[in-house]
Amino acid sequence: MVNRLYVSPAARGHGAGAPLPAEAVAPARALGLRAVPDVAAHDTAATALYERLGRHRMATVAQDWGPHGLVDVHCCAAPDPHPPHSVGHPR
């Protein structure tokens, strides 16, 4: 389980963070699971990165971060690689 991903301030803006979300969810995908990472709502740079990577915000929820109190996080899902097929008649 991955708790948080961070990029050092010196490396930000140079593409260092772009591969991290995919690498973090790779073990879940290998098991056929669909991981739904979250990102702190106040972290606008991380939110923008997830959106650029094609993830969409499913929900915003409050998480208890212990001494930091409640923190709002966006739950970000990747597009489903195997969407259900619609049932209907061919036209």
N, C-alpha and C. Protein backbone atom coordinates (compact mmCIF):
# COMPACT_ATOMS: atom_id res chain seq x y z
N MET A 1 0.84 -1.17 0.00
CA MET A 1 0.00 0.00 0.00
C MET A 1 0.89 1.24 0.00
N VAL A 2 0.58 2.15 -0.86
CA VAL A 2 1.30 3.42 -0.94
C VAL A 2 0.49 4.45 -0.17
N ASN A 3 1.15 5.18 0.70
CA ASN A 3 0.45 6.18 1.49
C ASN A 3 0.48 7.54 0.79
N ARG A 4 1.63 8.06 0.49
CA ARG A 4 1.76 9.36 -0.16
C ARG A 4 2.94 9.34 -1.12
N LEU A 5 2.83 10.13 -2.19
CA LEU A 5 3.92 10.33 -3.14
C LEU A 5 4.37 11.77 -3.03
N TYR A 6 5.66 11.96 -3.03
CA TYR A 6 6.21 13.32 -2.93
C TYR A 6 7.31 13.51 -3.95
N VAL A 7 7.43 14.72 -4.43
CA VAL A 7 8.54 15.13 -5.29
C VAL A 7 9.21 16.30 -4.58
N SER A 8 10.52 16.26 -4.48
CA SER A 8 11.23 17.33 -3.79
C SER A 8 10.98 18.65 -4.52
N PRO A 9 10.95 19.74 -3.78
CA PRO A 9 10.70 21.04 -4.42
C PRO A 9 11.66 21.33 -5.57
N ALA A 10 12.91 20.93 -5.45
CA ALA A 10 13.89 21.20 -6.51
C ALA A 10 13.58 20.44 -7.80
N ALA A 11 12.89 19.30 -7.69
CA ALA A 11 12.59 18.48 -8.87
C ALA A 11 11.24 18.80 -9.49
N ARG A 12 10.43 19.59 -8.82
CA ARG A 12 9.10 19.91 -9.33
C ARG A 12 9.19 20.75 -10.60
N GLY A 13 8.26 20.49 -11.50
CA GLY A 13 8.21 21.25 -12.74
C GLY A 13 9.13 20.70 -13.82
N HIS A 14 9.77 19.55 -13.56
CA HIS A 14 10.70 18.95 -14.52
C HIS A 14 10.24 17.57 -14.98
N GLY A 15 9.00 17.21 -14.68
CA GLY A 15 8.46 15.93 -15.11
C GLY A 15 8.77 14.76 -14.20
N ALA A 16 9.41 15.01 -13.07
CA ALA A 16 9.80 13.92 -12.18
C ALA A 16 8.59 13.22 -11.57
N GLY A 17 7.51 13.93 -11.36
CA GLY A 17 6.34 13.33 -10.72
C GLY A 17 5.41 12.59 -11.67
N ALA A 18 5.51 12.85 -12.96
CA ALA A 18 4.57 12.26 -13.91
C ALA A 18 4.49 10.74 -13.89
N PRO A 19 5.61 10.01 -13.80
CA PRO A 19 5.50 8.55 -13.80
C PRO A 19 5.10 7.93 -12.45
N LEU A 20 5.14 8.71 -11.39
CA LEU A 20 4.90 8.14 -10.06
C LEU A 20 3.52 7.53 -9.86
N PRO A 21 2.43 8.19 -10.25
CA PRO A 21 1.12 7.58 -10.01
C PRO A 21 0.95 6.22 -10.69
N ALA A 22 1.41 6.08 -11.93
CA ALA A 22 1.28 4.80 -12.63
C ALA A 22 2.12 3.72 -11.95
N GLU A 23 3.32 4.08 -11.52
CA GLU A 23 4.17 3.11 -10.83
C GLU A 23 3.55 2.69 -9.51
N ALA A 24 2.90 3.62 -8.82
CA ALA A 24 2.31 3.32 -7.52
C ALA A 24 1.13 2.36 -7.63
N VAL A 25 0.37 2.43 -8.70
CA VAL A 25 -0.80 1.57 -8.83
C VAL A 25 -0.52 0.30 -9.64
N ALA A 26 0.69 0.16 -10.18
CA ALA A 26 1.02 -1.01 -11.01
C ALA A 26 0.78 -2.34 -10.30
N PRO A 27 1.17 -2.50 -9.03
CA PRO A 27 0.91 -3.79 -8.37
C PRO A 27 -0.58 -4.13 -8.29
N ALA A 28 -1.41 -3.12 -8.04
CA ALA A 28 -2.85 -3.37 -7.99
C ALA A 28 -3.37 -3.78 -9.36
N ARG A 29 -2.92 -3.09 -10.39
CA ARG A 29 -3.36 -3.43 -11.75
C ARG A 29 -2.94 -4.84 -12.13
N ALA A 30 -1.73 -5.24 -11.69
CA ALA A 30 -1.25 -6.59 -12.00
C ALA A 30 -2.16 -7.65 -11.39
N LEU A 31 -2.86 -7.30 -10.33
CA LEU A 31 -3.80 -8.21 -9.69
C LEU A 31 -5.22 -8.06 -10.22
N GLY A 32 -5.39 -7.20 -11.24
CA GLY A 32 -6.70 -6.98 -11.82
C GLY A 32 -7.56 -6.01 -11.03
N LEU A 33 -6.94 -5.27 -10.11
CA LEU A 33 -7.67 -4.31 -9.28
C LEU A 33 -7.57 -2.91 -9.88
N ARG A 34 -8.54 -2.09 -9.57
CA ARG A 34 -8.54 -0.70 -10.03
C ARG A 34 -8.26 0.19 -8.83
N ALA A 35 -7.05 0.72 -8.76
CA ALA A 35 -6.65 1.59 -7.65
C ALA A 35 -7.26 2.97 -7.85
N VAL A 36 -7.63 3.59 -6.74
CA VAL A 36 -8.18 4.95 -6.77
C VAL A 36 -7.35 5.79 -5.80
N PRO A 37 -6.25 6.37 -6.30
CA PRO A 37 -5.42 7.19 -5.42
C PRO A 37 -6.15 8.47 -5.01
N ASP A 38 -5.68 9.06 -3.94
CA ASP A 38 -6.22 10.35 -3.53
C ASP A 38 -5.10 11.37 -3.48
N VAL A 39 -5.50 12.62 -3.56
CA VAL A 39 -4.55 13.72 -3.53
C VAL A 39 -5.13 14.80 -2.62
N ALA A 40 -4.28 15.37 -1.79
CA ALA A 40 -4.74 16.42 -0.88
C ALA A 40 -5.34 17.58 -1.70
N ALA A 41 -6.54 17.98 -1.34
CA ALA A 41 -7.24 19.02 -2.10
C ALA A 41 -6.46 20.33 -2.14
N HIS A 42 -5.67 20.61 -1.09
CA HIS A 42 -4.92 21.87 -1.07
C HIS A 42 -3.68 21.81 -1.97
N ASP A 43 -3.32 20.63 -2.46
CA ASP A 43 -2.15 20.48 -3.32
C ASP A 43 -2.57 20.63 -4.77
N THR A 44 -2.67 21.87 -5.21
CA THR A 44 -3.18 22.15 -6.55
C THR A 44 -2.25 21.62 -7.64
N ALA A 45 -0.95 21.59 -7.40
CA ALA A 45 -0.02 21.07 -8.41
C ALA A 45 -0.25 19.58 -8.62
N ALA A 46 -0.42 18.82 -7.53
CA ALA A 46 -0.67 17.38 -7.65
C ALA A 46 -2.02 17.12 -8.29
N THR A 47 -3.02 17.91 -7.93
CA THR A 47 -4.34 17.75 -8.54
C THR A 47 -4.26 17.97 -10.04
N ALA A 48 -3.53 19.01 -10.45
CA ALA A 48 -3.36 19.30 -11.88
C ALA A 48 -2.62 18.16 -12.58
N LEU A 49 -1.62 17.57 -11.93
CA LEU A 49 -0.88 16.45 -12.52
C LEU A 49 -1.82 15.27 -12.76
N TYR A 50 -2.61 14.92 -11.76
CA TYR A 50 -3.53 13.79 -11.92
C TYR A 50 -4.51 14.06 -13.06
N GLU A 51 -4.98 15.28 -13.19
CA GLU A 51 -5.90 15.61 -14.28
C GLU A 51 -5.21 15.51 -15.63
N ARG A 52 -3.97 15.98 -15.72
CA ARG A 52 -3.21 15.85 -16.98
C ARG A 52 -2.99 14.39 -17.35
N LEU A 53 -2.89 13.52 -16.34
CA LEU A 53 -2.68 12.10 -16.59
C LEU A 53 -3.98 11.36 -16.92
N GLY A 54 -5.09 12.10 -17.00
CA GLY A 54 -6.35 11.52 -17.41
C GLY A 54 -7.22 11.00 -16.28
N ARG A 55 -6.81 11.24 -15.05
CA ARG A 55 -7.62 10.80 -13.91
C ARG A 55 -8.74 11.81 -13.69
N HIS A 56 -9.87 11.30 -13.24
CA HIS A 56 -10.99 12.20 -12.95
C HIS A 56 -11.36 12.08 -11.47
N ARG A 57 -11.84 13.17 -10.95
CA ARG A 57 -12.21 13.25 -9.54
C ARG A 57 -13.54 12.55 -9.32
N MET A 58 -13.51 11.50 -8.51
CA MET A 58 -14.73 10.75 -8.20
C MET A 58 -15.45 11.38 -7.02
N ALA A 59 -14.68 11.86 -6.05
CA ALA A 59 -15.27 12.41 -4.83
C ALA A 59 -14.20 13.20 -4.08
N THR A 60 -14.66 14.06 -3.21
CA THR A 60 -13.78 14.74 -2.27
C THR A 60 -14.27 14.37 -0.88
N VAL A 61 -13.36 13.84 -0.07
CA VAL A 61 -13.73 13.37 1.26
C VAL A 61 -12.73 13.91 2.28
N ALA A 62 -13.12 13.91 3.54
CA ALA A 62 -12.23 14.31 4.61
C ALA A 62 -11.55 13.07 5.19
N GLN A 63 -10.23 13.12 5.30
CA GLN A 63 -9.47 12.04 5.93
C GLN A 63 -8.85 12.56 7.21
N ASP A 64 -8.77 11.69 8.20
CA ASP A 64 -8.14 12.05 9.47
C ASP A 64 -6.65 11.81 9.33
N TRP A 65 -5.87 12.89 9.31
CA TRP A 65 -4.42 12.81 9.17
C TRP A 65 -3.76 12.97 10.53
N GLY A 66 -4.38 12.42 11.54
CA GLY A 66 -3.79 12.42 12.89
C GLY A 66 -3.56 13.82 13.41
N PRO A 67 -2.29 14.15 13.72
CA PRO A 67 -2.02 15.46 14.31
C PRO A 67 -2.34 16.63 13.38
N HIS A 68 -2.50 16.35 12.08
CA HIS A 68 -2.84 17.40 11.12
C HIS A 68 -4.34 17.63 11.03
N GLY A 69 -5.10 16.79 11.74
CA GLY A 69 -6.55 16.94 11.73
C GLY A 69 -7.17 16.39 10.46
N LEU A 70 -8.37 16.85 10.17
CA LEU A 70 -9.07 16.43 8.96
C LEU A 70 -8.52 17.18 7.76
N VAL A 71 -8.25 16.44 6.70
CA VAL A 71 -7.74 17.03 5.46
C VAL A 71 -8.64 16.56 4.33
N ASP A 72 -9.10 17.50 3.50
CA ASP A 72 -9.90 17.13 2.33
C ASP A 72 -8.98 16.53 1.28
N VAL A 73 -9.41 15.41 0.70
CA VAL A 73 -8.66 14.77 -0.37
C VAL A 73 -9.59 14.47 -1.53
N HIS A 74 -9.04 14.56 -2.75
CA HIS A 74 -9.78 14.20 -3.96
C HIS A 74 -9.44 12.75 -4.29
N CYS A 75 -10.44 11.92 -4.50
CA CYS A 75 -10.24 10.54 -4.95
C CYS A 75 -10.24 10.57 -6.47
N CYS A 76 -9.14 10.13 -7.06
CA CYS A 76 -8.92 10.29 -8.51
C CYS A 76 -8.81 8.94 -9.19
N ALA A 77 -9.75 8.63 -10.05
CA ALA A 77 -9.76 7.34 -10.75
C ALA A 77 -9.27 7.51 -12.17
N ALA A 78 -8.57 6.49 -12.63
CA ALA A 78 -8.18 6.44 -14.03
C ALA A 78 -9.37 5.95 -14.84
N PRO A 79 -9.38 6.28 -16.11
CA PRO A 79 -10.46 5.72 -16.95
C PRO A 79 -10.41 4.20 -16.88
N ASP A 80 -11.56 3.58 -16.89
CA ASP A 80 -11.64 2.13 -16.84
C ASP A 80 -11.08 1.57 -18.14
N PRO A 81 -10.02 0.73 -18.07
CA PRO A 81 -9.45 0.19 -19.31
C PRO A 81 -10.37 -0.83 -19.98
N HIS A 82 -11.35 -1.35 -19.25
CA HIS A 82 -12.28 -2.33 -19.80
C HIS A 82 -13.70 -1.94 -19.43
N PRO A 83 -14.23 -0.87 -20.06
CA PRO A 83 -15.60 -0.46 -19.71
C PRO A 83 -16.59 -1.54 -20.11
N PRO A 84 -17.70 -1.63 -19.37
CA PRO A 84 -18.70 -2.63 -19.73
C PRO A 84 -19.29 -2.31 -21.10
N HIS A 85 -19.56 -3.34 -21.85
CA HIS A 85 -20.17 -3.14 -23.17
C HIS A 85 -21.66 -2.94 -23.00
N SER A 86 -22.18 -2.03 -23.78
CA SER A 86 -23.62 -1.82 -23.69
C SER A 86 -24.33 -2.96 -24.43
N VAL A 87 -25.48 -3.30 -23.92
CA VAL A 87 -26.28 -4.35 -24.54
C VAL A 87 -27.34 -3.67 -25.35
N GLY A 88 -27.44 -4.04 -26.56
CA GLY A 88 -28.45 -3.43 -27.42
C GLY A 88 -28.47 -4.15 -28.75
N HIS A 89 -29.28 -3.64 -29.62
CA HIS A 89 -29.41 -4.24 -30.93
C HIS A 89 -28.52 -3.51 -31.91
N PRO A 90 -27.84 -4.23 -32.79
CA PRO A 90 -27.04 -3.54 -33.80
C PRO A 90 -27.94 -2.73 -34.72
N ARG A 91 -27.42 -1.65 -35.20
CA ARG A 91 -28.22 -0.80 -36.10
C ARG A 91 -27.78 -1.02 -37.52
